[in-house]
Structures are given as C-alpha cells and as structure tokens.
Amino acid sequence: MTSEQTATTESAAATGTDRSGHDHASHGYITAKDDYLKRLRRIEGQARGLQRMVEEEKYCIDILTQVSAMTKALQAVAMGLLEDHISHCVVDAAVAGGPEAEAKIKEATDAIARLVRS
C-alpha cells in the first residue's frame, strides 16, 4: 500500500467513511451485517478444514469437493453483497442522478464482470 493509500484509508477510518468518501452507515449490507459475518466465519472454518485435509494428506477428490463447497459459499456472499449494493447504493445514486449515478453503475458493472471472471 502506498503512503497516499494509507493516508486515505486512515482518514476514512477517522471520519467513518470508506475510500470513496461514502458513509459506512449507508452501505446496503449493513442491515444483514451479522448474517454476512456469520457466513464468512463459516467459510473461514472451511478454509481451516481444507488446510487440515492437506496436512493429513486426504484424498484429492475429497479436498476438491470441499474447495467447491467453499467457492460456492463465497459466491453466495458475493451475490448477496452485490444485490444489496445494487438495491441500495446504485438505486440511491440513480435517483439522485448526475455523475454519481453513472459512477455507481460503472462500479457495479465492473464488480459483476469480476465475479463472472472468477
């Protein structure tokens, strides 16, 4: 991370905003934050389980099956976050109009493209 990125991140943390200057309380996922955290902790446990399987030299296909399950769980989190972002952040920006609306639509489109490629 560059010193400029660090300064931006530290400034955002101090003001309660993210890197783009948006208020954290306004994120679309905030109402489901506990659910997302619970799901991410479960995924974290799956990752530890995968490490243990490799350490214990389990059968390749069994490990791959667990990788697939973990990947699906991450994709479900990503899709939920994307849905929350579109239904909250993008819709709010579209209602307001102007360059912010165009930026939010581009941002969402780019995120969808990254998810499709992954």
Foldseek 3Di string as FASTA:
>chain_A
DDPVVVVLCVVCVVVCHHSVRHHPVQQLCVVVVVVLVVLVVVLVVLVVVLVVCVVVVHDPVVSVVSVVVSVVSVLVSLVVSLVSCCVGVLVVDVVVDDPSNVVSVVVSVVSVVVSVVD
